[in-house]
């Protein structure tokens, strides 16, 4: 591809794989910020969840009741995790493992939360492979439902099932605010202002990557870069903000714009 969108930053191993395949110069363009939300129908109560509660709801392996061992996830309702939560079945619709949103959710929620459980944290010293597997493993017994990468389909299912929750980017919540609400995470609601300020705990950066060797050979790449990095597009009042993008501040936008227009090669 000439340009590739990414809902997480490229990994060092992926840059090395590019180089091994003859793609030695790639320019990284950070676009702005997005929040990942746990959303449900406006007809249901708004939830206020911690990352630890989300982990217990969605992880494949969880601490036992006494906290001394690891067992297959046995939680079936939210109230079993915390009596203050609704007594409804745990059913969360979300993206598959191939999705960048899933990658980001796993890193920002599950992997951070798992370290708060002593029996899991101890594995980091004794068995790193098992530690990684436990922290990133998602249940496969119906509590988590892979709904593909079609966020519109998740929205439709949440309208039909008021007990279910869905995982997707803030922009889809923003566009469907008449039907859906975002759960608070650690007391912070997923709003434009909270994500922009860095207060919302599940925020990520968005990127796209340019294969520099194609610039000048494939028409339009330079023009695309100029359009995307213009204030009318990604600025505070730009048309991408109307679609749910959380803009970077002016100084960061200027630095990214300069790197993009100069096709500065990515250095990890």
C-alpha atoms as a PDB file:
ATOM      1  CA  UNK A   1       0.000   0.000   0.000  1.00  0.00           C
ATOM      2  CA  UNK A   2       0.983   3.620  -0.528  1.00  0.00           C
ATOM      3  CA  UNK A   3      -0.617   4.728   2.768  1.00  0.00           C
ATOM      4  CA  UNK A   4      -1.840   2.624   5.689  1.00  0.00           C
ATOM      5  CA  UNK A   5      -4.156   3.790   8.479  1.00  0.00           C
ATOM      6  CA  UNK A   6      -3.423   2.581  12.009  1.00  0.00           C
ATOM      7  CA  UNK A   7      -5.387   2.825  15.243  1.00  0.00           C
ATOM      8  CA  UNK A   8      -2.218   2.178  17.218  1.00  0.00           C
ATOM      9  CA  UNK A   9       1.431   3.076  16.674  1.00  0.00           C
ATOM     10  CA  UNK A  10       3.550   0.795  14.509  1.00  0.00           C
ATOM     11  CA  UNK A  11       5.730  -1.647  16.465  1.00  0.00           C
ATOM     12  CA  UNK A  12       9.510  -1.817  16.233  1.00  0.00           C
ATOM     13  CA  UNK A  13       9.184  -5.406  14.999  1.00  0.00           C
ATOM     14  CA  UNK A  14       6.885  -4.214  12.197  1.00  0.00           C
ATOM     15  CA  UNK A  15       9.354  -1.519  11.138  1.00  0.00           C
ATOM     16  CA  UNK A  16      12.056  -4.200  11.022  1.00  0.00           C
ATOM     17  CA  UNK A  17       9.777  -6.447   8.951  1.00  0.00           C
ATOM     18  CA  UNK A  18       9.236  -3.584   6.500  1.00  0.00           C
ATOM     19  CA  UNK A  19      13.003  -3.090   6.220  1.00  0.00           C
ATOM     20  CA  UNK A  20      13.537  -6.815   5.647  1.00  0.00           C
ATOM     21  CA  UNK A  21      11.119  -6.559   2.706  1.00  0.00           C
ATOM     22  CA  UNK A  22      12.895  -3.594   1.142  1.00  0.00           C
ATOM     23  CA  UNK A  23      10.725  -0.818   2.614  1.00  0.00           C
ATOM     24  CA  UNK A  24      13.441   1.225   4.253  1.00  0.00           C
ATOM     25  CA  UNK A  25      11.779   4.644   4.520  1.00  0.00           C
ATOM     26  CA  UNK A  26       8.346   5.117   6.072  1.00  0.00           C
ATOM     27  CA  UNK A  27       6.927   8.439   7.255  1.00  0.00           C
ATOM     28  CA  UNK A  28       4.702   8.414  10.332  1.00  0.00           C
ATOM     29  CA  UNK A  29       1.826  10.908  10.499  1.00  0.00           C
ATOM     30  CA  UNK A  30       0.110  11.193  13.859  1.00  0.00           C
ATOM     31  CA  UNK A  31      -3.439  12.349  13.201  1.00  0.00           C
ATOM     32  CA  UNK A  32      -4.855  13.141  16.641  1.00  0.00           C
ATOM     33  CA  UNK A  33      -6.501  11.342  19.527  1.00  0.00           C
ATOM     34  CA  UNK A  34      -9.418   8.999  20.041  1.00  0.00           C
ATOM     35  CA  UNK A  35     -11.044   7.434  23.056  1.00  0.00           C
ATOM     36  CA  UNK A  36     -12.113   3.807  23.203  1.00  0.00           C
ATOM     37  CA  UNK A  37     -15.515   3.581  24.839  1.00  0.00           C
ATOM     38  CA  UNK A  38     -17.661   0.941  26.495  1.00  0.00           C
ATOM     39  CA  UNK A  39     -21.102   2.009  25.418  1.00  0.00           C
ATOM     40  CA  UNK A  40     -24.677   0.901  25.988  1.00  0.00           C
ATOM     41  CA  UNK A  41     -28.197   2.005  25.151  1.00  0.00           C
ATOM     42  CA  UNK A  42     -29.530   5.285  26.528  1.00  0.00           C
ATOM     43  CA  UNK A  43     -32.469   3.212  27.804  1.00  0.00           C
ATOM     44  CA  UNK A  44     -30.158   1.404  30.279  1.00  0.00           C
ATOM     45  CA  UNK A  45     -28.346   2.795  33.346  1.00  0.00           C
ATOM     46  CA  UNK A  46     -24.993   4.451  32.698  1.00  0.00           C
ATOM     47  CA  UNK A  47     -22.185   2.364  34.181  1.00  0.00           C
ATOM     48  CA  UNK A  48     -19.156   3.586  36.101  1.00  0.00           C
ATOM     49  CA  UNK A  49     -16.497   0.902  35.794  1.00  0.00           C
ATOM     50  CA  UNK A  50     -12.899   0.468  36.849  1.00  0.00           C
ATOM     51  CA  UNK A  51     -10.324  -1.186  34.614  1.00  0.00           C
ATOM     52  CA  UNK A  52     -10.116  -4.016  37.156  1.00  0.00           C
ATOM     53  CA  UNK A  53     -13.871  -4.650  36.903  1.00  0.00           C
ATOM     54  CA  UNK A  54     -13.644  -4.707  33.101  1.00  0.00           C
ATOM     55  CA  UNK A  55     -10.770  -7.188  33.314  1.00  0.00           C
ATOM     56  CA  UNK A  56     -12.794  -9.493  35.577  1.00  0.00           C
ATOM     57  CA  UNK A  57     -15.712  -9.285  33.152  1.00  0.00           C
ATOM     58  CA  UNK A  58     -13.767  -9.983  29.956  1.00  0.00           C
ATOM     59  CA  UNK A  59     -10.559 -11.867  30.743  1.00  0.00           C
ATOM     60  CA  UNK A  60     -10.284 -15.536  29.876  1.00  0.00           C
ATOM     61  CA  UNK A  61      -8.448 -16.298  33.120  1.00  0.00           C
ATOM     62  CA  UNK A  62      -9.140 -14.503  36.414  1.00  0.00           C
ATOM     63  CA  UNK A  63      -8.101 -14.798  40.063  1.00  0.00           C
ATOM     64  CA  UNK A  64     -10.099 -17.294  42.104  1.00  0.00           C
ATOM     65  CA  UNK A  65     -12.466 -16.030  44.810  1.00  0.00           C
ATOM     66  CA  UNK A  66      -9.698 -16.236  47.421  1.00  0.00           C
ATOM     67  CA  UNK A  67      -7.230 -14.574  45.042  1.00  0.00           C
ATOM     68  CA  UNK A  68      -4.631 -17.313  45.472  1.00  0.00           C
ATOM     69  CA  UNK A  69      -4.892 -19.059  42.104  1.00  0.00           C
ATOM     70  CA  UNK A  70      -5.960 -18.486  38.502  1.00  0.00           C
ATOM     71  CA  UNK A  71      -9.114 -20.077  37.105  1.00  0.00           C
ATOM     72  CA  UNK A  72     -11.298 -19.884  33.997  1.00  0.00           C
ATOM     73  CA  UNK A  73     -13.564 -16.846  34.136  1.00  0.00           C
ATOM     74  CA  UNK A  74     -16.591 -17.760  36.244  1.00  0.00           C
ATOM     75  CA  UNK A  75     -18.359 -14.378  36.329  1.00  0.00           C
ATOM     76  CA  UNK A  76     -21.711 -14.388  34.523  1.00  0.00           C
ATOM     77  CA  UNK A  77     -23.272 -11.109  35.724  1.00  0.00           C
ATOM     78  CA  UNK A  78     -21.864  -7.667  36.485  1.00  0.00           C
ATOM     79  CA  UNK A  79     -23.241  -7.797  40.039  1.00  0.00           C
ATOM     80  CA  UNK A  80     -21.104 -10.873  40.763  1.00  0.00           C
ATOM     81  CA  UNK A  81     -18.049  -8.680  40.182  1.00  0.00           C
ATOM     82  CA  UNK A  82     -19.387  -5.832  42.336  1.00  0.00           C
ATOM     83  CA  UNK A  83     -22.811  -5.726  44.038  1.00  0.00           C
ATOM     84  CA  UNK A  84     -23.148  -2.050  43.064  1.00  0.00           C
ATOM     85  CA  UNK A  85     -23.221  -3.004  39.366  1.00  0.00           C
ATOM     86  CA  UNK A  86     -26.412  -4.146  37.573  1.00  0.00           C
ATOM     87  CA  UNK A  87     -27.583  -7.720  38.006  1.00  0.00           C
ATOM     88  CA  UNK A  88     -27.489  -8.395  34.266  1.00  0.00           C
ATOM     89  CA  UNK A  89     -25.619 -10.865  32.114  1.00  0.00           C
ATOM     90  CA  UNK A  90     -22.120  -9.890  31.013  1.00  0.00           C
ATOM     91  CA  UNK A  91     -22.318  -9.479  27.239  1.00  0.00           C
ATOM     92  CA  UNK A  92     -19.818  -7.208  25.524  1.00  0.00           C
ATOM     93  CA  UNK A  93     -19.681  -6.824  21.730  1.00  0.00           C
ATOM     94  CA  UNK A  94     -16.283  -5.867  20.406  1.00  0.00           C
ATOM     95  CA  UNK A  95     -13.707  -6.106  17.641  1.00  0.00           C
ATOM     96  CA  UNK A  96     -11.725  -9.244  16.702  1.00  0.00           C
ATOM     97  CA  UNK A  97      -7.998  -9.797  17.422  1.00  0.00           C
ATOM     98  CA  UNK A  98      -7.089  -8.459  13.957  1.00  0.00           C
ATOM     99  CA  UNK A  99      -8.374  -4.992  14.920  1.00  0.00           C
ATOM    100  CA  UNK A 100      -6.169  -2.121  16.071  1.00  0.00           C
ATOM    101  CA  UNK A 101      -8.993  -1.066  18.372  1.00  0.00           C
ATOM    102  CA  UNK A 102      -8.813  -4.487  20.030  1.00  0.00           C
ATOM    103  CA  UNK A 103      -5.018  -4.121  20.358  1.00  0.00           C
ATOM    104  CA  UNK A 104      -5.402  -0.729  21.986  1.00  0.00           C
ATOM    105  CA  UNK A 105      -8.206  -1.861  24.308  1.00  0.00           C
ATOM    106  CA  UNK A 106      -6.146  -4.864  25.409  1.00  0.00           C
ATOM    107  CA  UNK A 107      -3.106  -2.688  26.120  1.00  0.00           C
ATOM    108  CA  UNK A 108      -4.901   0.240  27.784  1.00  0.00           C
ATOM    109  CA  UNK A 109      -7.426  -1.730  29.844  1.00  0.00           C
ATOM    110  CA  UNK A 110      -6.734  -5.435  30.262  1.00  0.00           C
ATOM    111  CA  UNK A 111      -2.931  -5.358  30.482  1.00  0.00           C
ATOM    112  CA  UNK A 112      -2.939  -2.398  32.860  1.00  0.00           C
ATOM    113  CA  UNK A 113      -5.627  -3.891  35.103  1.00  0.00           C
ATOM    114  CA  UNK A 114      -4.097  -7.357  35.350  1.00  0.00           C
ATOM    115  CA  UNK A 115      -1.061  -6.006  37.184  1.00  0.00           C
ATOM    116  CA  UNK A 116      -3.343  -4.902  40.033  1.00  0.00           C
ATOM    117  CA  UNK A 117      -4.064  -8.533  40.952  1.00  0.00           C
ATOM    118  CA  UNK A 118      -1.170  -9.944  43.035  1.00  0.00           C
ATOM    119  CA  UNK A 119      -1.528 -13.533  41.787  1.00  0.00           C
ATOM    120  CA  UNK A 120      -1.154 -12.298  38.178  1.00  0.00           C
ATOM    121  CA  UNK A 121       1.537  -9.700  38.896  1.00  0.00           C
ATOM    122  CA  UNK A 122       3.675 -12.431  40.497  1.00  0.00           C
ATOM    123  CA  UNK A 123       3.794 -14.243  37.149  1.00  0.00           C
ATOM    124  CA  UNK A 124       5.773 -11.403  35.583  1.00  0.00           C
ATOM    125  CA  UNK A 125       8.788 -12.575  37.576  1.00  0.00           C
ATOM    126  CA  UNK A 126       8.241 -16.331  37.348  1.00  0.00           C
ATOM    127  CA  UNK A 127       6.649 -16.958  33.933  1.00  0.00           C
ATOM    128  CA  UNK A 128       6.578 -13.987  31.554  1.00  0.00           C
ATOM    129  CA  UNK A 129       4.894 -15.903  28.729  1.00  0.00           C
ATOM    130  CA  UNK A 130       2.025 -16.960  30.991  1.00  0.00           C
ATOM    131  CA  UNK A 131       1.832 -13.433  32.393  1.00  0.00           C
ATOM    132  CA  UNK A 132       1.380 -11.984  28.887  1.00  0.00           C
ATOM    133  CA  UNK A 133      -1.160 -14.642  27.942  1.00  0.00           C
ATOM    134  CA  UNK A 134      -3.255 -14.063  31.068  1.00  0.00           C
ATOM    135  CA  UNK A 135      -3.191 -10.276  30.688  1.00  0.00           C
ATOM    136  CA  UNK A 136      -4.188 -10.320  27.014  1.00  0.00           C
ATOM    137  CA  UNK A 137      -6.499 -13.343  26.961  1.00  0.00           C
ATOM    138  CA  UNK A 138     -10.192 -12.618  26.299  1.00  0.00           C
ATOM    139  CA  UNK A 139     -12.944 -15.027  27.295  1.00  0.00           C
ATOM    140  CA  UNK A 140     -14.535 -17.184  24.585  1.00  0.00           C
ATOM    141  CA  UNK A 141     -17.618 -18.431  26.444  1.00  0.00           C
ATOM    142  CA  UNK A 142     -20.067 -15.774  25.245  1.00  0.00           C
ATOM    143  CA  UNK A 143     -19.241 -13.009  27.711  1.00  0.00           C
ATOM    144  CA  UNK A 144     -17.256 -11.323  24.946  1.00  0.00           C
ATOM    145  CA  UNK A 145     -18.752 -11.493  21.462  1.00  0.00           C
ATOM    146  CA  UNK A 146     -16.562 -10.777  18.447  1.00  0.00           C
ATOM    147  CA  UNK A 147     -18.768  -8.548  16.320  1.00  0.00           C
ATOM    148  CA  UNK A 148     -16.372  -7.983  13.439  1.00  0.00           C
ATOM    149  CA  UNK A 149     -14.962  -4.573  12.592  1.00  0.00           C
ATOM    150  CA  UNK A 150     -18.324  -3.036  11.646  1.00  0.00           C
ATOM    151  CA  UNK A 151     -19.050  -0.521  14.408  1.00  0.00           C
ATOM    152  CA  UNK A 152     -22.415   0.347  12.858  1.00  0.00           C
ATOM    153  CA  UNK A 153     -23.492  -3.263  13.380  1.00  0.00           C
ATOM    154  CA  UNK A 154     -22.528  -3.048  17.073  1.00  0.00           C
ATOM    155  CA  UNK A 155     -24.616   0.120  17.407  1.00  0.00           C
ATOM    156  CA  UNK A 156     -27.636  -1.684  15.959  1.00  0.00           C
ATOM    157  CA  UNK A 157     -27.189  -4.625  18.343  1.00  0.00           C
ATOM    158  CA  UNK A 158     -26.941  -2.310  21.361  1.00  0.00           C
ATOM    159  CA  UNK A 159     -30.211  -0.679  20.347  1.00  0.00           C
ATOM    160  CA  UNK A 160     -31.840  -4.111  20.292  1.00  0.00           C
ATOM    161  CA  UNK A 161     -30.262  -5.424  23.515  1.00  0.00           C
ATOM    162  CA  UNK A 162     -30.213  -2.858  26.316  1.00  0.00           C
ATOM    163  CA  UNK A 163     -28.205  -5.134  28.625  1.00  0.00           C
ATOM    164  CA  UNK A 164     -25.263  -5.457  26.223  1.00  0.00           C
ATOM    165  CA  UNK A 165     -22.217  -3.201  25.982  1.00  0.00           C
ATOM    166  CA  UNK A 166     -20.122  -2.424  22.918  1.00  0.00           C
ATOM    167  CA  UNK A 167     -16.488  -1.444  22.418  1.00  0.00           C
ATOM    168  CA  UNK A 168     -15.604   1.084  19.698  1.00  0.00           C
ATOM    169  CA  UNK A 169     -13.974   4.434  19.054  1.00  0.00           C
ATOM    170  CA  UNK A 170     -15.350   7.678  20.506  1.00  0.00           C
ATOM    171  CA  UNK A 171     -16.401   8.945  17.079  1.00  0.00           C
ATOM    172  CA  UNK A 172     -19.142   6.304  16.835  1.00  0.00           C
ATOM    173  CA  UNK A 173     -20.471   7.278  20.249  1.00  0.00           C
ATOM    174  CA  UNK A 174     -20.348  10.927  19.195  1.00  0.00           C
ATOM    175  CA  UNK A 175     -22.320  10.165  16.026  1.00  0.00           C
ATOM    176  CA  UNK A 176     -24.909   8.047  17.867  1.00  0.00           C
ATOM    177  CA  UNK A 177     -25.411  10.109  21.010  1.00  0.00           C
ATOM    178  CA  UNK A 178     -29.176  10.062  20.482  1.00  0.00           C
ATOM    179  CA  UNK A 179     -29.159   6.270  20.971  1.00  0.00           C
ATOM    180  CA  UNK A 180     -26.088   5.431  23.061  1.00  0.00           C
ATOM    181  CA  UNK A 181     -24.155   6.590  26.116  1.00  0.00           C
ATOM    182  CA  UNK A 182     -20.568   5.962  27.117  1.00  0.00           C
ATOM    183  CA  UNK A 183     -19.740   4.244  30.384  1.00  0.00           C
ATOM    184  CA  UNK A 184     -17.612   6.206  32.799  1.00  0.00           C
ATOM    185  CA  UNK A 185     -14.187   4.731  33.487  1.00  0.00           C
ATOM    186  CA  UNK A 186     -12.917   5.456  36.992  1.00  0.00           C
ATOM    187  CA  UNK A 187     -15.518   8.204  37.273  1.00  0.00           C
ATOM    188  CA  UNK A 188     -14.601   9.962  34.004  1.00  0.00           C
ATOM    189  CA  UNK A 189     -17.062  10.041  31.103  1.00  0.00           C
ATOM    190  CA  UNK A 190     -15.757   9.729  27.525  1.00  0.00           C
ATOM    191  CA  UNK A 191     -16.243  13.293  26.323  1.00  0.00           C
ATOM    192  CA  UNK A 192     -14.353  15.321  23.730  1.00  0.00           C
ATOM    193  CA  UNK A 193     -12.927  17.539  26.486  1.00  0.00           C
ATOM    194  CA  UNK A 194     -11.879  14.665  28.776  1.00  0.00           C
ATOM    195  CA  UNK A 195     -10.118  12.780  25.973  1.00  0.00           C
ATOM    196  CA  UNK A 196      -8.395  15.929  24.689  1.00  0.00           C
ATOM    197  CA  UNK A 197      -7.154  16.779  28.195  1.00  0.00           C
ATOM    198  CA  UNK A 198      -5.897  13.243  28.769  1.00  0.00           C
ATOM    199  CA  UNK A 199      -8.276  12.750  31.708  1.00  0.00           C
ATOM    200  CA  UNK A 200     -10.231   9.857  30.193  1.00  0.00           C
ATOM    201  CA  UNK A 201      -8.287   6.673  31.033  1.00  0.00           C
ATOM    202  CA  UNK A 202      -8.777   4.817  27.727  1.00  0.00           C
ATOM    203  CA  UNK A 203      -7.384   7.197  25.115  1.00  0.00           C
ATOM    204  CA  UNK A 204      -5.095   6.447  22.166  1.00  0.00           C
ATOM    205  CA  UNK A 205      -3.304   8.180  19.326  1.00  0.00           C
ATOM    206  CA  UNK A 206      -4.255   7.588  15.680  1.00  0.00           C
ATOM    207  CA  UNK A 207      -1.759   7.406  12.802  1.00  0.00           C
ATOM    208  CA  UNK A 208      -1.204   6.745   9.157  1.00  0.00           C
ATOM    209  CA  UNK A 209       2.013   5.646   7.473  1.00  0.00           C
ATOM    210  CA  UNK A 210       3.380   6.575   4.054  1.00  0.00           C
ATOM    211  CA  UNK A 211       5.663   4.439   1.899  1.00  0.00           C
ATOM    212  CA  UNK A 212       8.131   7.115   0.821  1.00  0.00           C
ATOM    213  CA  UNK A 213       9.343   5.201  -2.233  1.00  0.00           C
ATOM    214  CA  UNK A 214       5.903   5.644  -3.817  1.00  0.00           C
ATOM    215  CA  UNK A 215       5.868   9.435  -3.470  1.00  0.00           C
ATOM    216  CA  UNK A 216       6.406  10.964  -6.904  1.00  0.00           C
ATOM    217  CA  UNK A 217       5.563   7.640  -8.576  1.00  0.00           C
ATOM    218  CA  UNK A 218       1.966   7.273  -7.387  1.00  0.00           C
ATOM    219  CA  UNK A 219       0.117  10.556  -8.055  1.00  0.00           C
ATOM    220  CA  UNK A 220      -1.595  12.409  -5.224  1.00  0.00           C
ATOM    221  CA  UNK A 221       0.333  11.323  -2.131  1.00  0.00           C
ATOM    222  CA  UNK A 222       1.934  14.731  -1.478  1.00  0.00           C
ATOM    223  CA  UNK A 223      -1.416  16.420  -2.043  1.00  0.00           C
ATOM    224  CA  UNK A 224      -3.105  13.978   0.336  1.00  0.00           C
ATOM    225  CA  UNK A 225      -0.537  14.771   3.020  1.00  0.00           C
ATOM    226  CA  UNK A 226      -1.056  18.500   2.509  1.00  0.00           C
ATOM    227  CA  UNK A 227      -4.846  18.156   2.769  1.00  0.00           C
ATOM    228  CA  UNK A 228      -4.823  15.901   5.820  1.00  0.00           C
ATOM    229  CA  UNK A 229      -2.383  18.087   7.758  1.00  0.00           C
ATOM    230  CA  UNK A 230      -4.154  21.374   6.957  1.00  0.00           C
ATOM    231  CA  UNK A 231      -5.929  23.094   9.843  1.00  0.00           C
ATOM    232  CA  UNK A 232      -9.188  23.010   7.860  1.00  0.00           C
ATOM    233  CA  UNK A 233      -9.003  19.204   8.182  1.00  0.00           C
ATOM    234  CA  UNK A 234      -7.409  18.268  11.521  1.00  0.00           C
ATOM    235  CA  UNK A 235      -7.511  21.621  13.341  1.00  0.00           C
ATOM    236  CA  UNK A 236      -9.663  22.550  16.328  1.00  0.00           C
ATOM    237  CA  UNK A 237     -12.479  23.623  13.993  1.00  0.00           C
ATOM    238  CA  UNK A 238     -11.596  21.223  11.162  1.00  0.00           C
ATOM    239  CA  UNK A 239     -13.980  18.894   9.425  1.00  0.00           C
ATOM    240  CA  UNK A 240     -12.356  15.832  11.004  1.00  0.00           C
ATOM    241  CA  UNK A 241     -13.291  17.151  14.464  1.00  0.00           C
ATOM    242  CA  UNK A 242     -16.900  17.072  13.257  1.00  0.00           C
ATOM    243  CA  UNK A 243     -16.399  13.338  12.626  1.00  0.00           C
ATOM    244  CA  UNK A 244     -15.117  12.630  16.142  1.00  0.00           C
ATOM    245  CA  UNK A 245     -11.363  13.277  15.883  1.00  0.00           C
ATOM    246  CA  UNK A 246      -9.797  14.811  19.013  1.00  0.00           C
ATOM    247  CA  UNK A 247      -7.223  17.295  17.623  1.00  0.00           C
ATOM    248  CA  UNK A 248      -3.642  17.652  18.823  1.00  0.00           C
ATOM    249  CA  UNK A 249      -2.578  21.075  20.072  1.00  0.00           C
ATOM    250  CA  UNK A 250      -1.263  23.574  17.532  1.00  0.00           C
ATOM    251  CA  UNK A 251       2.427  23.021  18.346  1.00  0.00           C
ATOM    252  CA  UNK A 252       2.185  19.240  17.942  1.00  0.00           C
ATOM    253  CA  UNK A 253       0.221  19.603  14.704  1.00  0.00           C
ATOM    254  CA  UNK A 254       2.903  21.899  13.302  1.00  0.00           C
ATOM    255  CA  UNK A 255       5.699  19.441  14.181  1.00  0.00           C
ATOM    256  CA  UNK A 256       3.835  16.513  12.600  1.00  0.00           C
ATOM    257  CA  UNK A 257       2.935  18.592   9.524  1.00  0.00           C
ATOM    258  CA  UNK A 258       6.586  19.519   8.955  1.00  0.00           C
ATOM    259  CA  UNK A 259       7.713  15.900   9.269  1.00  0.00           C
ATOM    260  CA  UNK A 260       4.978  14.773   6.891  1.00  0.00           C
ATOM    261  CA  UNK A 261       5.632  17.351   4.215  1.00  0.00           C
ATOM    262  CA  UNK A 262       9.399  16.708   4.412  1.00  0.00           C
ATOM    263  CA  UNK A 263       8.767  12.940   4.312  1.00  0.00           C
ATOM    264  CA  UNK A 264      10.980  12.512   7.358  1.00  0.00           C
ATOM    265  CA  UNK A 265      11.708   8.778   7.741  1.00  0.00           C
ATOM    266  CA  UNK A 266      10.406   7.138  10.914  1.00  0.00           C
ATOM    267  CA  UNK A 267      13.021   6.337  13.519  1.00  0.00           C
ATOM    268  CA  UNK A 268      11.961   4.136  16.427  1.00  0.00           C
END
